[in-house]
Protein backbone atom coordinates (compact mmCIF):
# COMPACT_ATOMS: atom_id res chain seq x y z
CA MET A 1 238.77 -20.46 144.55
CA ASN A 2 241.03 -22.91 142.30
CA ILE A 3 240.21 -27.08 142.55
CA THR A 4 243.04 -29.21 143.33
CA ILE A 5 243.22 -32.17 141.14
CA THR A 6 241.85 -34.31 144.32
CA GLU A 7 239.20 -32.15 145.22
CA ARG A 8 238.08 -33.26 141.23
CA ALA A 9 238.65 -36.42 141.55
CA GLU A 10 236.09 -36.38 144.91
CA ILE A 11 233.48 -34.49 142.73
CA LEU A 12 233.76 -36.98 140.42
CA THR A 13 233.48 -39.80 142.71
CA GLN A 14 230.55 -38.42 144.64
CA ALA A 15 228.70 -38.28 141.61
CA LEU A 16 229.44 -41.64 139.87
CA PRO A 17 226.45 -43.67 142.58
CA TYR A 18 223.94 -40.80 141.11
CA ILE A 19 225.14 -41.44 137.68
CA LYS A 20 224.55 -45.07 138.00
CA GLN A 21 221.18 -44.65 139.61
CA TYR A 22 219.88 -42.27 137.11
CA ALA A 23 221.19 -43.89 134.11
CA GLY A 24 218.75 -45.16 131.59
CA LYS A 25 216.13 -43.60 133.67
CA THR A 26 213.67 -40.85 132.26
CA VAL A 27 213.91 -37.14 134.15
CA VAL A 28 211.36 -33.84 132.81
CA ILE A 29 213.28 -30.39 133.41
CA LYS A 30 210.71 -27.55 132.95
CA TYR A 31 213.12 -24.65 132.14
CA GLY A 32 211.86 -21.12 132.65
CA GLY A 33 212.43 -18.04 134.63
CA ASN A 34 215.65 -16.21 134.69
CA ALA A 35 218.03 -19.24 133.22
CA MET A 36 216.16 -18.35 129.94
CA ILE A 37 217.28 -14.87 129.81
CA ASN A 38 221.08 -14.74 131.43
CA GLU A 39 222.95 -16.20 128.53
CA GLU A 40 225.53 -17.51 131.27
CA LEU A 41 222.94 -19.48 133.29
CA LYS A 42 221.21 -20.59 129.98
CA ASN A 43 224.53 -21.86 128.44
CA ALA A 44 225.29 -24.04 131.64
CA VAL A 45 221.85 -25.38 131.82
CA MET A 46 222.83 -26.48 128.22
CA GLU A 47 225.72 -28.34 129.07
CA ASP A 48 223.98 -29.71 132.29
CA MET A 49 221.28 -31.48 129.52
CA VAL A 50 224.09 -32.55 127.64
CA LEU A 51 226.34 -33.86 130.70
CA LEU A 52 223.61 -36.07 131.38
CA ASN A 53 222.52 -37.62 128.37
CA THR A 54 226.04 -38.49 127.59
CA VAL A 55 226.22 -40.56 130.78
CA GLY A 56 222.67 -42.41 129.79
CA ILE A 57 220.20 -40.31 131.46
CA LYS A 58 217.47 -39.79 128.85
CA LEU A 59 215.85 -36.05 129.57
CA VAL A 60 213.22 -33.90 128.50
CA LEU A 61 213.28 -30.25 128.52
CA VAL A 62 209.89 -28.53 128.71
CA HIS A 63 209.99 -24.66 128.24
CA GLY A 64 208.39 -21.62 128.73
CA GLY A 65 209.01 -18.32 127.08
CA GLY A 66 206.84 -15.42 128.80
CA PRO A 67 209.68 -12.74 128.06
CA GLU A 68 209.87 -13.20 124.63
CA ILE A 69 206.33 -13.61 123.81
CA ASN A 70 206.06 -9.87 125.82
CA ALA A 71 208.64 -8.64 123.37
CA MET A 72 207.07 -9.99 120.60
CA LEU A 73 203.72 -8.45 121.72
CA ASP A 74 205.11 -4.98 122.47
CA LYS A 75 206.80 -5.25 118.92
CA THR A 76 203.71 -5.87 116.92
CA GLY A 77 201.79 -3.21 119.28
CA LYS A 78 199.70 -5.85 120.67
CA GLU A 79 198.01 -4.69 123.80
CA SER A 80 197.85 -7.22 126.70
CA LYS A 81 194.47 -7.86 128.51
CA PHE A 82 194.63 -9.67 131.69
CA VAL A 83 191.91 -11.11 133.35
CA GLY A 84 192.35 -11.48 137.43
CA GLY A 85 196.42 -10.99 136.92
CA LEU A 86 196.47 -13.58 134.09
CA ARG A 87 197.00 -12.43 130.48
CA TYR A 88 193.80 -13.32 128.48
CA THR A 89 195.04 -15.11 125.14
CA ASP A 90 192.84 -14.05 122.00
CA GLU A 91 193.89 -15.73 118.61
CA GLU A 92 195.87 -13.03 117.48
CA THR A 93 197.88 -13.57 120.85
CA MET A 94 197.69 -17.25 120.04
CA ASP A 95 199.50 -17.09 117.08
CA ILE A 96 201.95 -15.02 118.31
CA VAL A 97 202.26 -17.41 120.98
CA GLN A 98 202.95 -20.39 118.82
CA MET A 99 204.96 -18.75 116.72
CA VAL A 100 207.46 -17.45 119.68
CA LEU A 101 207.52 -20.61 121.66
CA ALA A 102 207.32 -23.24 119.33
CA GLY A 103 209.44 -21.60 116.66
CA LYS A 104 212.07 -18.77 117.88
CA VAL A 105 212.74 -20.20 121.47
CA ASN A 106 212.36 -24.00 120.77
CA LYS A 107 214.94 -24.08 117.82
CA ALA A 108 217.02 -21.50 119.90
CA LEU A 109 217.13 -24.20 122.49
CA VAL A 110 217.83 -27.00 119.99
CA GLN A 111 220.73 -25.05 118.44
CA GLN A 112 222.52 -24.20 121.61
CA ILE A 113 221.86 -27.95 123.06
CA THR A 114 223.66 -29.00 119.70
CA GLU A 115 226.49 -26.44 119.94
CA ASN A 116 227.13 -28.00 123.13
CA GLY A 117 228.10 -31.26 121.79
CA GLY A 118 224.47 -32.91 122.43
CA ARG A 119 221.72 -33.69 120.11
CA ALA A 120 218.17 -32.62 120.22
CA ILE A 121 214.92 -31.92 118.28
CA GLY A 122 212.42 -29.28 118.52
CA LEU A 123 208.68 -29.89 119.09
CA CYS A 124 205.84 -28.79 120.39
CA GLY A 125 202.22 -30.42 121.94
CA LEU A 126 200.90 -30.17 118.12
CA ASP A 127 203.50 -32.61 116.79
CA GLY A 128 202.08 -36.45 117.16
CA GLY A 129 199.14 -34.83 118.99
CA MET A 130 201.53 -34.99 122.11
CA LEU A 131 199.45 -32.52 123.86
CA THR A 132 195.27 -32.22 123.59
CA ALA A 133 193.62 -29.75 125.74
CA THR A 134 190.26 -28.06 126.41
CA ARG A 135 189.61 -24.44 126.88
CA HIS A 136 190.09 -23.16 130.58
CA THR A 137 186.70 -21.67 131.77
CA GLU A 138 187.40 -20.58 135.12
CA PRO A 139 188.41 -17.77 134.63
CA ASP A 140 187.95 -17.48 130.62
CA LEU A 141 191.30 -16.89 129.44
CA GLY A 142 190.51 -17.40 125.61
CA PHE A 143 192.79 -19.94 123.93
CA VAL A 144 194.65 -20.86 127.77
CA GLY A 145 194.03 -24.73 127.80
CA ASP A 146 193.56 -27.51 130.74
CA ILE A 147 195.28 -30.42 129.11
CA THR A 148 192.89 -33.68 128.60
CA ARG A 149 195.49 -36.14 127.03
CA VAL A 150 199.01 -36.73 126.78
CA ASP A 151 200.62 -38.90 124.12
CA VAL A 152 204.39 -39.85 124.48
CA THR A 153 204.83 -42.04 121.44
CA LEU A 154 207.00 -39.16 119.98
CA LEU A 155 208.64 -38.74 122.93
CA ARG A 156 209.87 -42.10 123.73
CA ASN A 157 211.28 -42.40 120.31
CA CYS A 158 213.30 -40.00 120.84
CA LEU A 159 214.39 -40.87 124.02
CA GLU A 160 215.12 -44.34 122.59
CA ASN A 161 217.60 -42.48 120.06
CA ASP A 162 219.58 -40.77 122.46
CA THR A 163 217.70 -37.47 121.42
CA ILE A 164 216.67 -34.86 123.91
CA PRO A 165 213.13 -33.48 122.79
CA VAL A 166 212.85 -29.87 123.45
CA VAL A 167 209.11 -28.84 124.15
CA ALA A 168 207.31 -26.07 123.63
CA THR A 169 203.73 -25.97 125.32
CA VAL A 170 201.23 -25.48 122.39
CA ALA A 171 198.31 -28.14 122.65
CA GLY A 172 195.66 -28.97 120.40
CA GLY A 173 192.14 -29.14 120.63
CA ALA A 174 188.93 -29.63 118.73
CA ASP A 175 188.18 -28.19 115.19
CA GLY A 176 192.00 -27.06 114.89
CA GLU A 177 191.85 -24.78 118.24
CA ARG A 178 195.19 -24.23 119.74
CA PHE A 179 196.08 -23.61 123.00
CA ASN A 180 198.61 -22.04 125.57
CA ILE A 181 199.36 -24.53 128.19
CA ASN A 182 201.57 -23.50 131.63
CA ALA A 183 204.92 -24.87 131.31
CA ASP A 184 204.85 -26.18 134.71
CA ILE A 185 201.56 -27.98 134.27
CA ALA A 186 202.78 -29.62 130.89
CA ALA A 187 205.82 -30.79 132.58
CA ALA A 188 204.03 -32.29 135.13
CA GLU A 189 201.67 -33.95 132.77
CA ILE A 190 204.49 -35.64 130.78
CA ALA A 191 206.56 -36.71 133.33
CA ALA A 192 203.42 -38.56 134.93
CA ALA A 193 202.72 -39.97 131.38
CA LEU A 194 206.44 -41.14 130.51
CA GLY A 195 206.41 -42.40 134.32
CA ALA A 196 209.81 -40.56 134.67
CA GLU A 197 211.94 -40.78 137.75
CA LYS A 198 212.46 -36.97 138.42
CA LEU A 199 210.54 -34.04 137.70
CA VAL A 200 212.73 -30.83 138.06
CA LEU A 201 210.95 -27.19 137.94
CA MET A 202 213.50 -24.58 137.52
CA THR A 203 212.13 -21.24 139.27
CA ASP A 204 213.50 -17.88 140.27
CA VAL A 205 213.37 -18.87 143.81
CA GLN A 206 215.32 -21.16 146.46
CA GLY A 207 212.76 -23.80 146.97
CA LEU A 208 210.05 -23.43 149.57
CA LEU A 209 210.59 -21.03 152.24
CA ARG A 210 209.23 -22.00 155.84
CA ASP A 211 209.33 -18.35 156.36
CA LYS A 212 209.36 -16.58 152.80
CA ASP A 213 211.63 -13.64 153.89
CA ASP A 214 214.10 -16.27 155.37
CA PRO A 215 216.47 -17.84 152.88
CA SER A 216 217.57 -20.14 155.70
CA SER A 217 214.44 -21.42 156.26
CA LEU A 218 214.50 -23.56 153.41
CA ILE A 219 212.29 -26.94 153.61
CA SER A 220 214.59 -29.65 151.59
CA THR A 221 212.31 -32.22 151.37
CA VAL A 222 208.13 -32.37 151.82
CA GLN A 223 206.05 -35.03 151.72
CA VAL A 224 203.31 -35.06 149.60
CA SER A 225 201.09 -35.61 152.73
CA GLU A 226 202.09 -32.58 154.38
CA VAL A 227 201.21 -30.10 151.69
CA PRO A 228 197.74 -29.63 153.04
CA ARG A 229 199.04 -28.56 156.39
CA LEU A 230 201.74 -25.95 155.19
CA LYS A 231 198.81 -24.70 153.11
CA LYS A 232 196.80 -24.48 156.11
CA GLU A 233 199.80 -22.83 157.74
CA GLY A 234 200.26 -20.23 155.36
CA VAL A 235 203.63 -21.36 154.28
CA LEU A 236 202.36 -22.01 150.49
CA SER A 237 201.32 -19.07 149.07
CA GLY A 238 201.43 -16.90 145.85
CA GLY A 239 202.94 -18.52 142.92
CA MET A 240 204.30 -21.23 144.82
CA ILE A 241 200.96 -23.11 145.31
CA PRO A 242 200.53 -24.00 141.42
CA LYS A 243 204.03 -25.12 141.07
CA ILE A 244 203.56 -27.05 144.23
CA GLU A 245 200.78 -28.63 143.16
CA CYS A 246 201.91 -29.89 139.96
CA CYS A 247 204.81 -31.57 142.01
CA VAL A 248 202.64 -33.29 144.17
CA GLU A 249 200.30 -34.15 141.29
CA ALA A 250 203.13 -35.82 139.37
CA VAL A 251 204.30 -37.81 142.49
CA ARG A 252 200.79 -39.30 142.87
CA ARG A 253 200.40 -40.25 139.79
CA GLY A 254 203.89 -42.21 139.44
CA VAL A 255 206.77 -39.49 139.54
CA ARG A 256 209.15 -41.03 142.17
CA ARG A 257 210.48 -37.32 143.35
CA THR A 258 209.96 -33.82 142.18
CA HIS A 259 211.93 -31.16 142.67
CA ILE A 260 211.87 -27.22 142.46
CA ILE A 261 215.64 -25.70 142.23
CA ASP A 262 216.62 -22.11 141.98
CA GLY A 263 217.61 -22.05 138.33
CA ARG A 264 219.39 -18.89 139.19
CA ILE A 265 222.47 -20.67 140.31
CA PRO A 266 224.64 -21.87 137.71
CA HIS A 267 224.58 -26.00 137.19
CA SER A 268 221.85 -26.26 139.41
CA ILE A 269 220.60 -29.05 137.82
CA LEU A 270 223.75 -31.00 138.01
CA ILE A 271 224.01 -29.61 141.73
CA GLU A 272 220.45 -31.52 142.18
CA MET A 273 221.54 -34.83 140.40
CA LEU A 274 224.67 -35.74 140.91
CA THR A 275 225.50 -34.56 144.64
CA ASP A 276 224.80 -35.67 148.17
CA GLU A 277 223.72 -32.03 148.87
CA GLY A 278 221.50 -31.11 146.15
CA ILE A 279 219.38 -27.93 145.94
CA GLY A 280 215.99 -26.48 146.63
CA THR A 281 213.16 -28.49 147.52
CA MET A 282 212.36 -32.17 147.06
CA PHE A 283 209.02 -33.92 147.04
CA LEU A 284 208.06 -37.09 147.73
């Protein structure tokens, strides 16, 4: 469908109030799912990041990399062990996690932002003592950690210099231990520590559906006080529960708005942040 010049102008006019609203504010984006695998979607995300940063919005990109980790484990012949459906991370696997997340995936994202005209720096939770964690114990998943401290000094330095920090979720612990951290949790912790305006979790679902089998039942806005009732009613289930818990915790700790959006839609970040309609589910 061709867009006329007038329609283009109307789109830009609609975006202006949101640009003014978010200029100088911090937004943390957790990047994962299909948007990390599909090259077209990946480039759209990087374009969105550069555009938002160019108009004065301070961005932190927190990423996962599960498919890349799985591919490397397969290449090395490392057999995966699971506990209750969750991957157990032994020391050898942790080495691979750090190599893939903080190395290959992190630096590729930095390069792609740069190629789109932005400025980014690749970091992981070990840099500047950004993320400190202890071993997750129930269940014991090996070197999977729970965050105990977030130091945002390095992140603030980047943001003050209009640089997008790209963060791989590897944390440090006692006696040189390193831990693999769930990217949703890390993004929520970082957003709270920064006092971010928004936390955006990119996923492979539309958002929160009242009926998981009915795409038209999307719940656009949820008050955090409603979450226990929705859980009791069975609206919250499966993999959505930990994501929603991250959103709720971030709001309770001072993040003004949190969002679960469909990263399978090109430019979903721009649609969420710079249009009246928005996308996905917002928690406040």
